[in-house]
PDB file of all heavy atoms in Angstrom:
ATOM      1  N   ARG A   1      14.799  -2.308-103.483  1.00  0.00           N
ATOM      2  CA  ARG A   1      14.526  -3.286-104.523  1.00  0.00           C
ATOM      3  C   ARG A   1      13.034  -3.646-104.550  1.00  0.00           C
ATOM      4  O   ARG A   1      12.435  -3.772-105.604  1.00  0.00           O
ATOM      5  CB  ARG A   1      15.360  -4.553-104.308  1.00  0.00           C
ATOM      6  CG  ARG A   1      15.198  -5.526-105.473  1.00  0.00           C
ATOM      7  CD  ARG A   1      16.075  -6.718-105.305  1.00  0.00           C
ATOM      8  NE  ARG A   1      15.307  -7.711-104.560  1.00  0.00           N
ATOM      9  CZ  ARG A   1      15.796  -8.798-104.018  1.00  0.00           C
ATOM     10  NH1 ARG A   1      17.074  -9.044-104.107  1.00  0.00           N
ATOM     11  NH2 ARG A   1      15.037  -9.635-103.379  1.00  0.00           N
ATOM     12  N   GLY A   2      12.440  -3.762-103.367  1.00  0.00           N
ATOM     13  CA  GLY A   2      11.012  -4.065-103.290  1.00  0.00           C
ATOM     14  C   GLY A   2      10.163  -2.985-103.929  1.00  0.00           C
ATOM     15  O   GLY A   2       9.257  -3.269-104.716  1.00  0.00           O
ATOM     16  N   PHE A   3      10.448  -1.719-103.618  1.00  0.00           N
ATOM     17  CA  PHE A   3       9.687  -0.620-104.227  1.00  0.00           C
ATOM     18  C   PHE A   3       9.951  -0.540-105.720  1.00  0.00           C
ATOM     19  O   PHE A   3       9.047  -0.236-106.501  1.00  0.00           O
ATOM     20  CB  PHE A   3       9.990   0.715-103.560  1.00  0.00           C
ATOM     21  CG  PHE A   3       9.140   0.958-102.355  1.00  0.00           C
ATOM     22  CD1 PHE A   3       9.689   1.001-101.097  1.00  0.00           C
ATOM     23  CD2 PHE A   3       7.773   1.146-102.479  1.00  0.00           C
ATOM     24  CE1 PHE A   3       8.905   1.218 -99.971  1.00  0.00           C
ATOM     25  CE2 PHE A   3       6.969   1.355-101.371  1.00  0.00           C
ATOM     26  CZ  PHE A   3       7.542   1.394-100.118  1.00  0.00           C
ATOM     27  N   LYS A   4      11.180  -0.835-106.126  1.00  0.00           N
ATOM     28  CA  LYS A   4      11.492  -0.811-107.557  1.00  0.00           C
ATOM     29  C   LYS A   4      10.636  -1.833-108.297  1.00  0.00           C
ATOM     30  O   LYS A   4      10.054  -1.527-109.340  1.00  0.00           O
ATOM     31  CB  LYS A   4      12.976  -1.115-107.781  1.00  0.00           C
ATOM     32  CG  LYS A   4      13.358  -1.133-109.245  1.00  0.00           C
ATOM     33  CD  LYS A   4      14.815  -1.484-109.441  1.00  0.00           C
ATOM     34  CE  LYS A   4      15.096  -1.533-110.925  1.00  0.00           C
ATOM     35  NZ  LYS A   4      16.130  -2.463-111.271  1.00  0.00           N
ATOM     36  N   GLU A   5      10.517  -3.027-107.742  1.00  0.00           N
ATOM     37  CA  GLU A   5       9.709  -4.063-108.383  1.00  0.00           C
ATOM     38  C   GLU A   5       8.227  -3.687-108.373  1.00  0.00           C
ATOM     39  O   GLU A   5       7.515  -3.925-109.343  1.00  0.00           O
ATOM     40  CB  GLU A   5       9.959  -5.404-107.717  1.00  0.00           C
ATOM     41  CG  GLU A   5      11.344  -5.926-107.999  1.00  0.00           C
ATOM     42  CD  GLU A   5      11.600  -7.292-107.413  1.00  0.00           C
ATOM     43  OE1 GLU A   5      10.628  -7.971-107.012  1.00  0.00           O
ATOM     44  OE2 GLU A   5      12.765  -7.693-107.347  1.00  0.00           O
ATOM     45  N   LEU A   6       7.756  -3.104-107.273  1.00  0.00           N
ATOM     46  CA  LEU A   6       6.362  -2.660-107.227  1.00  0.00           C
ATOM     47  C   LEU A   6       6.105  -1.562-108.245  1.00  0.00           C
ATOM     48  O   LEU A   6       5.070  -1.553-108.915  1.00  0.00           O
ATOM     49  CB  LEU A   6       6.001  -2.179-105.820  1.00  0.00           C
ATOM     50  CG  LEU A   6       5.878  -3.255-104.742  1.00  0.00           C
ATOM     51  CD1 LEU A   6       5.724  -2.612-103.382  1.00  0.00           C
ATOM     52  CD2 LEU A   6       4.714  -4.189-105.046  1.00  0.00           C
ATOM     53  N   ARG A   7       7.050  -0.631-108.394  1.00  0.00           N
ATOM     54  CA  ARG A   7       6.894   0.447-109.378  1.00  0.00           C
ATOM     55  C   ARG A   7       6.849  -0.114-110.787  1.00  0.00           C
ATOM     56  O   ARG A   7       6.043   0.313-111.601  1.00  0.00           O
ATOM     57  CB  ARG A   7       8.036   1.462-109.263  1.00  0.00           C
ATOM     58  CG  ARG A   7       7.899   2.411-108.105  1.00  0.00           C
ATOM     59  CD  ARG A   7       8.884   3.580-108.197  1.00  0.00           C
ATOM     60  NE  ARG A   7      10.234   3.211-108.551  1.00  0.00           N
ATOM     61  CZ  ARG A   7      11.209   2.945-107.690  1.00  0.00           C
ATOM     62  NH1 ARG A   7      10.982   3.021-106.402  1.00  0.00           N
ATOM     63  NH2 ARG A   7      12.421   2.630-108.105  1.00  0.00           N
ATOM     64  N   GLU A   8       7.724  -1.069-111.089  1.00  0.00           N
ATOM     65  CA  GLU A   8       7.758  -1.646-112.431  1.00  0.00           C
ATOM     66  C   GLU A   8       6.454  -2.331-112.796  1.00  0.00           C
ATOM     67  O   GLU A   8       6.074  -2.356-113.965  1.00  0.00           O
ATOM     68  CB  GLU A   8       8.925  -2.638-112.546  1.00  0.00           C
ATOM     69  CG  GLU A   8      10.270  -1.969-112.560  1.00  0.00           C
ATOM     70  CD  GLU A   8      11.428  -2.948-112.511  1.00  0.00           C
ATOM     71  OE1 GLU A   8      11.189  -4.174-112.410  1.00  0.00           O
ATOM     72  OE2 GLU A   8      12.576  -2.481-112.580  1.00  0.00           O
ATOM     73  N   CYS A   9       5.750  -2.872-111.807  1.00  0.00           N
ATOM     74  CA  CYS A   9       4.482  -3.537-112.062  1.00  0.00           C
ATOM     75  C   CYS A   9       3.285  -2.586-111.961  1.00  0.00           C
ATOM     76  O   CYS A   9       2.153  -2.983-112.194  1.00  0.00           O
ATOM     77  CB  CYS A   9       4.275  -4.685-111.073  1.00  0.00           C
ATOM     78  SG  CYS A   9       5.409  -6.054-111.313  1.00  0.00           S
ATOM     79  N   GLY A  10       3.522  -1.343-111.575  1.00  0.00           N
ATOM     80  CA  GLY A  10       2.427  -0.385-111.424  1.00  0.00           C
ATOM     81  C   GLY A  10       1.712  -0.487-110.092  1.00  0.00           C
ATOM     82  O   GLY A  10       0.599   0.016-109.943  1.00  0.00           O
ATOM     83  N   LEU A  11       2.337  -1.153-109.111  1.00  0.00           N
ATOM     84  CA  LEU A  11       1.700  -1.301-107.802  1.00  0.00           C
ATOM     85  C   LEU A  11       2.163  -0.267-106.792  1.00  0.00           C
ATOM     86  O   LEU A  11       1.677  -0.231-105.661  1.00  0.00           O
ATOM     87  CB  LEU A  11       1.958  -2.714-107.251  1.00  0.00           C
ATOM     88  CG  LEU A  11       1.266  -3.828-108.031  1.00  0.00           C
ATOM     89  CD1 LEU A  11       1.719  -5.180-107.522  1.00  0.00           C
ATOM     90  CD2 LEU A  11      -0.250  -3.697-107.923  1.00  0.00           C
ATOM     91  N   ALA A  12       3.107   0.597-107.176  1.00  0.00           N
ATOM     92  CA  ALA A  12       3.576   1.688-106.332  1.00  0.00           C
ATOM     93  C   ALA A  12       4.143   2.762-107.238  1.00  0.00           C
ATOM     94  O   ALA A  12       4.574   2.485-108.348  1.00  0.00           O
ATOM     95  CB  ALA A  12       4.633   1.211-105.346  1.00  0.00           C
ATOM     96  N   TRP A  13       4.128   3.999-106.762  1.00  0.00           N
ATOM     97  CA  TRP A  13       4.702   5.105-107.518  1.00  0.00           C
ATOM     98  C   TRP A  13       5.165   6.171-106.548  1.00  0.00           C
ATOM     99  O   TRP A  13       4.694   6.254-105.422  1.00  0.00           O
ATOM    100  CB  TRP A  13       3.725   5.688-108.550  1.00  0.00           C
ATOM    101  CG  TRP A  13       2.396   6.077-107.986  1.00  0.00           C
ATOM    102  CD1 TRP A  13       2.042   7.323-107.535  1.00  0.00           C
ATOM    103  CD2 TRP A  13       1.251   5.266-107.809  1.00  0.00           C
ATOM    104  NE1 TRP A  13       0.743   7.315-107.090  1.00  0.00           N
ATOM    105  CE2 TRP A  13       0.230   6.046-107.252  1.00  0.00           C
ATOM    106  CE3 TRP A  13       0.981   3.923-108.058  1.00  0.00           C
ATOM    107  CZ2 TRP A  13      -1.029   5.550-106.951  1.00  0.00           C
ATOM    108  CZ3 TRP A  13      -0.281   3.432-107.753  1.00  0.00           C
ATOM    109  CH2 TRP A  13      -1.264   4.248-107.216  1.00  0.00           C
ATOM    110  N   GLY A  14       6.129   6.947-106.984  1.00  0.00           N
ATOM    111  CA  GLY A  14       6.684   7.982-106.138  1.00  0.00           C
ATOM    112  C   GLY A  14       5.793   9.206-106.088  1.00  0.00           C
ATOM    113  O   GLY A  14       5.234   9.631-107.100  1.00  0.00           O
ATOM    114  N   LEU A  15       5.633   9.756-104.901  1.00  0.00           N
ATOM    115  CA  LEU A  15       4.875  11.000-104.726  1.00  0.00           C
ATOM    116  C   LEU A  15       5.829  12.186-104.683  1.00  0.00           C
ATOM    117  O   LEU A  15       5.621  13.203-105.317  1.00  0.00           O
ATOM    118  CB  LEU A  15       4.056  10.951-103.436  1.00  0.00           C
ATOM    119  CG  LEU A  15       2.988   9.869-103.383  1.00  0.00           C
ATOM    120  CD1 LEU A  15       2.347   9.839-101.996  1.00  0.00           C
ATOM    121  CD2 LEU A  15       1.931  10.109-104.443  1.00  0.00           C
ATOM    122  N   GLU A  16       6.877  12.042-103.894  1.00  0.00           N
ATOM    123  CA  GLU A  16       7.956  13.024-103.774  1.00  0.00           C
ATOM    124  C   GLU A  16       9.139  12.276-103.212  1.00  0.00           C
ATOM    125  O   GLU A  16       9.039  11.078-102.935  1.00  0.00           O
ATOM    126  CB  GLU A  16       7.547  14.200-102.883  1.00  0.00           C
ATOM    127  CG  GLU A  16       7.131  13.792-101.483  1.00  0.00           C
ATOM    128  CD  GLU A  16       6.570  14.944-100.676  1.00  0.00           C
ATOM    129  OE1 GLU A  16       5.721  15.683-101.169  1.00  0.00           O
ATOM    130  OE2 GLU A  16       7.018  15.093 -99.539  1.00  0.00           O
ATOM    131  N   ASP A  17      10.251  12.928-103.046  1.00  0.00           N
ATOM    132  CA  ASP A  17      11.464  12.260-102.600  1.00  0.00           C
ATOM    133  C   ASP A  17      11.243  11.488-101.308  1.00  0.00           C
ATOM    134  O   ASP A  17      10.912  12.069-100.266  1.00  0.00           O
ATOM    135  CB  ASP A  17      12.581  13.293-102.416  1.00  0.00           C
ATOM    136  CG  ASP A  17      13.930  12.640-102.257  1.00  0.00           C
ATOM    137  OD1 ASP A  17      14.137  11.569-102.842  1.00  0.00           O
ATOM    138  OD2 ASP A  17      14.779  13.216-101.549  1.00  0.00           O
ATOM    139  N   GLY A  18      11.372  10.160-101.377  1.00  0.00           N
ATOM    140  CA  GLY A  18      11.238   9.320-100.190  1.00  0.00           C
ATOM    141  C   GLY A  18       9.826   8.939 -99.818  1.00  0.00           C
ATOM    142  O   GLY A  18       9.621   8.223 -98.842  1.00  0.00           O
ATOM    143  N   ARG A  19       8.823   9.394-100.547  1.00  0.00           N
ATOM    144  CA  ARG A  19       7.422   9.052-100.253  1.00  0.00           C
ATOM    145  C   ARG A  19       6.827   8.324-101.453  1.00  0.00           C
ATOM    146  O   ARG A  19       6.980   8.763-102.588  1.00  0.00           O
ATOM    147  CB  ARG A  19       6.597  10.303 -99.977  1.00  0.00           C
ATOM    148  CG  ARG A  19       6.943  10.939 -98.656  1.00  0.00           C
ATOM    149  CD  ARG A  19       5.977  12.039 -98.284  1.00  0.00           C
ATOM    150  NE  ARG A  19       4.629  11.541 -98.203  1.00  0.00           N
ATOM    151  CZ  ARG A  19       3.558  12.212 -98.666  1.00  0.00           C
ATOM    152  NH1 ARG A  19       3.690  13.385 -99.223  1.00  0.00           N
ATOM    153  NH2 ARG A  19       2.360  11.691 -98.564  1.00  0.00           N
ATOM    154  N   TYR A  20       6.149   7.223-101.163  1.00  0.00           N
ATOM    155  CA  TYR A  20       5.545   6.414-102.208  1.00  0.00           C
ATOM    156  C   TYR A  20       4.083   6.171-101.905  1.00  0.00           C
ATOM    157  O   TYR A  20       3.661   6.189-100.752  1.00  0.00           O
ATOM    158  CB  TYR A  20       6.251   5.046-102.323  1.00  0.00           C
ATOM    159  CG  TYR A  20       7.678   5.171-102.761  1.00  0.00           C
ATOM    160  CD1 TYR A  20       8.707   5.284-101.825  1.00  0.00           C
ATOM    161  CD2 TYR A  20       8.007   5.177-104.097  1.00  0.00           C
ATOM    162  CE1 TYR A  20      10.019   5.404-102.221  1.00  0.00           C
ATOM    163  CE2 TYR A  20       9.330   5.295-104.511  1.00  0.00           C
ATOM    164  CZ  TYR A  20      10.325   5.403-103.573  1.00  0.00           C
ATOM    165  OH  TYR A  20      11.616   5.522-103.973  1.00  0.00           O
ATOM    166  N   GLN A  21       3.324   5.904-102.942  1.00  0.00           N
ATOM    167  CA  GLN A  21       1.920   5.518-102.802  1.00  0.00           C
ATOM    168  C   GLN A  21       1.804   4.087-103.301  1.00  0.00           C
ATOM    169  O   GLN A  21       2.251   3.773-104.395  1.00  0.00           O
ATOM    170  CB  GLN A  21       1.009   6.408-103.645  1.00  0.00           C
ATOM    171  CG  GLN A  21      -0.432   5.948-103.727  1.00  0.00           C
ATOM    172  CD  GLN A  21      -1.146   6.015-102.395  1.00  0.00           C
ATOM    173  OE1 GLN A  21      -1.173   7.067-101.777  1.00  0.00           O
ATOM    174  NE2 GLN A  21      -1.733   4.919-101.965  1.00  0.00           N
ATOM    175  N   LEU A  22       1.215   3.215-102.487  1.00  0.00           N
ATOM    176  CA  LEU A  22       0.919   1.864-102.932  1.00  0.00           C
ATOM    177  C   LEU A  22      -0.416   1.874-103.671  1.00  0.00           C
ATOM    178  O   LEU A  22      -1.291   2.693-103.379  1.00  0.00           O
ATOM    179  CB  LEU A  22       0.854   0.909-101.744  1.00  0.00           C
ATOM    180  CG  LEU A  22       2.155   0.684-100.989  1.00  0.00           C
ATOM    181  CD1 LEU A  22       1.924  -0.189 -99.772  1.00  0.00           C
ATOM    182  CD2 LEU A  22       3.208   0.072-101.892  1.00  0.00           C
ATOM    183  N   HIS A  23      -0.581   0.953-104.592  1.00  0.00           N
ATOM    184  CA  HIS A  23      -1.821   0.857-105.376  1.00  0.00           C
ATOM    185  C   HIS A  23      -3.000   0.656-104.424  1.00  0.00           C
ATOM    186  O   HIS A  23      -2.883  -0.046-103.425  1.00  0.00           O
ATOM    187  CB  HIS A  23      -1.706  -0.316-106.353  1.00  0.00           C
ATOM    188  CG  HIS A  23      -2.732  -0.278-107.421  1.00  0.00           C
ATOM    189  ND1 HIS A  23      -4.034  -0.654-107.210  1.00  0.00           N
ATOM    190  CD2 HIS A  23      -2.652   0.119-108.710  1.00  0.00           C
ATOM    191  CE1 HIS A  23      -4.714  -0.505-108.325  1.00  0.00           C
ATOM    192  NE2 HIS A  23      -3.894  -0.042-109.253  1.00  0.00           N
ATOM    193  N   PRO A  24      -4.142   1.255-104.712  1.00  0.00           N
ATOM    194  CA  PRO A  24      -5.318   1.116-103.839  1.00  0.00           C
ATOM    195  C   PRO A  24      -5.737  -0.336-103.610  1.00  0.00           C
ATOM    196  O   PRO A  24      -6.326  -0.646-102.583  1.00  0.00           O
ATOM    197  CB  PRO A  24      -6.409   1.890-104.569  1.00  0.00           C
ATOM    198  CG  PRO A  24      -5.683   2.890-105.388  1.00  0.00           C
ATOM    199  CD  PRO A  24      -4.388   2.226-105.784  1.00  0.00           C
ATOM    200  N   LEU A  25      -5.414  -1.240-104.530  1.00  0.00           N
ATOM    201  CA  LEU A  25      -5.727  -2.649-104.300  1.00  0.00           C
ATOM    202  C   LEU A  25      -4.912  -3.227-103.141  1.00  0.00           C
ATOM    203  O   LEU A  25      -5.328  -4.196-102.514  1.00  0.00           O
ATOM    204  CB  LEU A  25      -5.444  -3.473-105.567  1.00  0.00           C
ATOM    205  CG  LEU A  25      -6.390  -3.226-106.732  1.00  0.00           C
ATOM    206  CD1 LEU A  25      -5.921  -3.988-107.965  1.00  0.00           C
ATOM    207  CD2 LEU A  25      -7.807  -3.628-106.357  1.00  0.00           C
ATOM    208  N   LEU A  26      -3.787  -2.627-102.843  1.00  0.00           N
ATOM    209  CA  LEU A  26      -2.945  -3.077-101.731  1.00  0.00           C
ATOM    210  C   LEU A  26      -3.237  -2.348-100.429  1.00  0.00           C
ATOM    211  O   LEU A  26      -2.803  -2.791 -99.370  1.00  0.00           O
ATOM    212  CB  LEU A  26      -1.461  -2.870-102.084  1.00  0.00           C
ATOM    213  CG  LEU A  26      -0.945  -3.605-103.323  1.00  0.00           C
ATOM    214  CD1 LEU A  26       0.492  -3.202-103.612  1.00  0.00           C
ATOM    215  CD2 LEU A  26      -1.069  -5.103-103.155  1.00  0.00           C
ATOM    216  N   THR A  27      -3.951  -1.234-100.501  1.00  0.00           N
ATOM    217  CA  THR A  27      -4.187  -0.411 -99.306  1.00  0.00           C
ATOM    218  C   THR A  27      -5.656  -0.374 -98.897  1.00  0.00           C
ATOM    219  O   THR A  27      -6.047   0.481 -98.108  1.00  0.00           O
ATOM    220  CB  THR A  27      -3.712   1.027 -99.547  1.00  0.00           C
ATOM    221  OG1 THR A  27      -4.493   1.610-100.603  1.00  0.00           O
ATOM    222  CG2 THR A  27      -2.239   1.080 -99.881  1.00  0.00           C
ATOM    223  N   GLY A  28      -6.462  -1.254 -99.456  1.00  0.00           N
ATOM    224  CA  GLY A  28      -7.884  -1.250 -99.117  1.00  0.00           C
ATOM    225  C   GLY A  28      -8.590  -0.022 -99.662  1.00  0.00           C
ATOM    226  O   GLY A  28      -9.590   0.422 -99.105  1.00  0.00           O
ATOM    227  N   GLY A  29      -8.089   0.529-100.752  1.00  0.00           N
ATOM    228  CA  GLY A  29      -8.717   1.686-101.395  1.00  0.00           C
ATOM    229  C   GLY A  29      -8.175   3.035-100.954  1.00  0.00           C
ATOM    230  O   GLY A  29      -8.527   4.056-101.512  1.00  0.00           O
ATOM    231  N   ALA A  30      -7.288   3.053 -99.959  1.00  0.00           N
ATOM    232  CA  ALA A  30      -6.760   4.330 -99.464  1.00  0.00           C
ATOM    233  C   ALA A  30      -5.704   4.875-100.419  1.00  0.00           C
ATOM    234  O   ALA A  30      -4.854   4.148-100.896  1.00  0.00           O
ATOM    235  CB  ALA A  30      -6.151   4.139 -98.088  1.00  0.00           C
ATOM    236  N   VAL A  31      -5.801   6.173-100.729  1.00  0.00           N
ATOM    237  CA  VAL A  31      -4.800   6.865-101.530  1.00  0.00           C
ATOM    238  C   VAL A  31      -4.462   8.183-100.861  1.00  0.00           C
ATOM    239  O   VAL A  31      -5.243   8.713-100.084  1.00  0.00           O
ATOM    240  CB  VAL A  31      -5.289   7.130-102.983  1.00  0.00           C
ATOM    241  CG1 VAL A  31      -5.422   5.844-103.754  1.00  0.00           C
ATOM    242  CG2 VAL A  31      -6.579   7.907-103.007  1.00  0.00           C
ATOM    243  N   SER A  32      -3.297   8.723-101.181  1.00  0.00           N
ATOM    244  CA  SER A  32      -2.892   9.980-100.545  1.00  0.00           C
ATOM    245  C   SER A  32      -3.660  11.168-101.092  1.00  0.00           C
ATOM    246  O   SER A  32      -3.820  12.161-100.415  1.00  0.00           O
ATOM    247  CB  SER A  32      -1.395  10.199-100.726  1.00  0.00           C
ATOM    248  OG  SER A  32      -1.104  10.338-102.089  1.00  0.00           O
ATOM    249  N   SER A  33      -4.135  11.063-102.324  1.00  0.00           N
ATOM    250  CA  SER A  33      -4.906  12.132-102.945  1.00  0.00           C
ATOM    251  C   SER A  33      -5.958  11.529-103.849  1.00  0.00           C
ATOM    252  O   SER A  33      -5.635  10.779-104.766  1.00  0.00           O
ATOM    253  CB  SER A  33      -3.966  13.035-103.762  1.00  0.00           C
ATOM    254  OG  SER A  33      -4.715  13.966-104.489  1.00  0.00           O
ATOM    255  N   PRO A  34      -7.237  11.822-103.615  1.00  0.00           N
ATOM    256  CA  PRO A  34      -8.299  11.200-104.408  1.00  0.00           C
ATOM    257  C   PRO A  34      -8.317  11.638-105.874  1.00  0.00           C
ATOM    258  O   PRO A  34      -8.979  11.013-106.684  1.00  0.00           O
ATOM    259  CB  PRO A  34      -9.581  11.614-103.699  1.00  0.00           C
ATOM    260  CG  PRO A  34      -9.221  12.804-102.896  1.00  0.00           C
ATOM    261  CD  PRO A  34      -7.758  12.701-102.588  1.00  0.00           C
ATOM    262  N   VAL A  35      -7.583  12.674-106.245  1.00  0.00           N
ATOM    263  CA  VAL A  35      -7.603  13.140-107.626  1.00  0.00           C
ATOM    264  C   VAL A  35      -6.429  12.597-108.446  1.00  0.00           C
ATOM    265  O   VAL A  35      -6.344  12.856-109.628  1.00  0.00           O
ATOM    266  CB  VAL A  35      -7.611  14.676-107.719  1.00  0.00           C
ATOM    267  CG1 VAL A  35      -8.879  15.231-107.115  1.00  0.00           C
ATOM    268  CG2 VAL A  35      -6.399  15.267-107.045  1.00  0.00           C
ATOM    269  N   MET A  36      -5.534  11.860-107.810  1.00  0.00           N
ATOM    270  CA  MET A  36      -4.377  11.350-108.529  1.00  0.00           C
ATOM    271  C   MET A  36      -4.776  10.152-109.394  1.00  0.00           C
ATOM    272  O   MET A  36      -5.611   9.344-109.006  1.00  0.00           O
ATOM    273  CB  MET A  36      -3.255  10.969-107.572  1.00  0.00           C
ATOM    274  CG  MET A  36      -3.567   9.814-106.662  1.00  0.00           C
ATOM    275  SD  MET A  36      -2.362   9.537-105.357  1.00  0.00           S
ATOM    276  CE  MET A  36      -0.878   9.418-106.285  1.00  0.00           C
ATOM    277  N   PRO A  37      -4.179  10.026-110.579  1.00  0.00           N
ATOM    278  CA  PRO A  37      -4.486   8.882-111.428  1.00  0.00           C
ATOM    279  C   PRO A  37      -3.843   7.608-110.879  1.00  0.00           C
ATOM    280  O   PRO A  37      -2.739   7.649-110.355  1.00  0.00           O
ATOM    281  CB  PRO A  37      -3.879   9.264-112.773  1.00  0.00           C
ATOM    282  CG  PRO A  37      -2.786  10.214-112.434  1.00  0.00           C
ATOM    283  CD  PRO A  37      -3.249  10.950-111.198  1.00  0.00           C
ATOM    284  N   VAL A  38      -4.554   6.516-111.005  1.00  0.00           N
ATOM    285  CA  VAL A  38      -4.038   5.220-110.570  1.00  0.00           C
ATOM    286  C   VAL A  38      -3.485   4.511-111.799  1.00  0.00           C
ATOM    287  O   VAL A  38      -4.204   4.318-112.775  1.00  0.00           O
ATOM    288  CB  VAL A  38      -5.149   4.377-109.911  1.00  0.00           C
ATOM    289  CG1 VAL A  38      -4.651   2.995-109.567  1.00  0.00           C
ATOM    290  CG2 VAL A  38      -5.664   5.088-108.668  1.00  0.00           C
ATOM    291  N   PRO A  39      -2.207   4.139-111.789  1.00  0.00           N
ATOM    292  CA  PRO A  39      -1.621   3.512-112.973  1.00  0.00           C
ATOM    293  C   PRO A  39      -2.147   2.105-113.211  1.00  0.00           C
ATOM    294  O   PRO A  39      -2.637   1.435-112.301  1.00  0.00           O
ATOM    295  CB  PRO A  39      -0.135   3.486-112.673  1.00  0.00           C
ATOM    296  CG  PRO A  39      -0.045   3.505-111.202  1.00  0.00           C
ATOM    297  CD  PRO A  39      -1.234   4.277-110.716  1.00  0.00           C
ATOM    298  N   GLU A  40      -2.019   1.665-114.446  1.00  0.00           N
ATOM    299  CA  GLU A  40      -2.399   0.312-114.830  1.00  0.00           C
ATOM    300  C   GLU A  40      -1.411  -0.667-114.202  1.00  0.00           C
ATOM    301  O   GLU A  40      -0.208  -0.404-114.147  1.00  0.00           O
ATOM    302  CB  GLU A  40      -2.346   0.194-116.352  1.00  0.00           C
ATOM    303  CG  GLU A  40      -2.621  -1.177-116.877  1.00  0.00           C
ATOM    304  CD  GLU A  40      -2.498  -1.243-118.391  1.00  0.00           C
ATOM    305  OE1 GLU A  40      -2.469  -0.193-119.044  1.00  0.00           O
ATOM    306  OE2 GLU A  40      -2.415  -2.361-118.899  1.00  0.00           O
ATOM    307  N   ILE A  41      -1.907  -1.804-113.734  1.00  0.00           N
ATOM    308  CA  ILE A  41      -1.043  -2.842-113.182  1.00  0.00           C
ATOM    309  C   ILE A  41      -0.509  -3.657-114.349  1.00  0.00           C
ATOM    310  O   ILE A  41      -1.261  -4.100-115.211  1.00  0.00           O
ATOM    311  CB  ILE A  41      -1.819  -3.752-112.206  1.00  0.00           C
ATOM    312  CG1 ILE A  41      -2.311  -2.936-111.013  1.00  0.00           C
ATOM    313  CG2 ILE A  41      -0.944  -4.911-111.742  1.00  0.00           C
ATOM    314  CD1 ILE A  41      -3.209  -3.701-110.083  1.00  0.00           C
ATOM    315  N   LYS A  42       0.807  -3.848-114.362  1.00  0.00           N
ATOM    316  CA  LYS A  42       1.454  -4.606-115.429  1.00  0.00           C
ATOM    317  C   LYS A  42       1.842  -5.979-114.914  1.00  0.00           C
ATOM    318  O   LYS A  42       2.199  -6.135-113.758  1.00  0.00           O
ATOM    319  CB  LYS A  42       2.706  -3.858-115.904  1.00  0.00           C
ATOM    320  CG  LYS A  42       2.409  -2.470-116.397  1.00  0.00           C
ATOM    321  CD  LYS A  42       3.721  -1.721-116.624  1.00  0.00           C
ATOM    322  CE  LYS A  42       3.431  -0.256-116.763  1.00  0.00           C
ATOM    323  NZ  LYS A  42       3.956   0.546-115.696  1.00  0.00           N
ATOM    324  N   ALA A  43       1.774  -6.961-115.772  1.00  0.00           N
ATOM    325  CA  ALA A  43       2.157  -8.319-115.391  1.00  0.00           C
ATOM    326  C   ALA A  43       3.666  -8.409-115.244  1.00  0.00           C
ATOM    327  O   ALA A  43       4.415  -7.832-116.030  1.00  0.00           O
ATOM    328  CB  ALA A  43       1.681  -9.314-116.436  1.00  0.00           C
TER     329      ALA A  43
END
């Protein structure tokens, strides 16, 4: 449920089955791949 809510707001997204990326604002700028697009955060 937590990841679902984060995904709906654009603060997390799925990378592959069972792996998620948190928005760089939540990870201090760290991302799994520097070429991946960062989604817009929704209210």
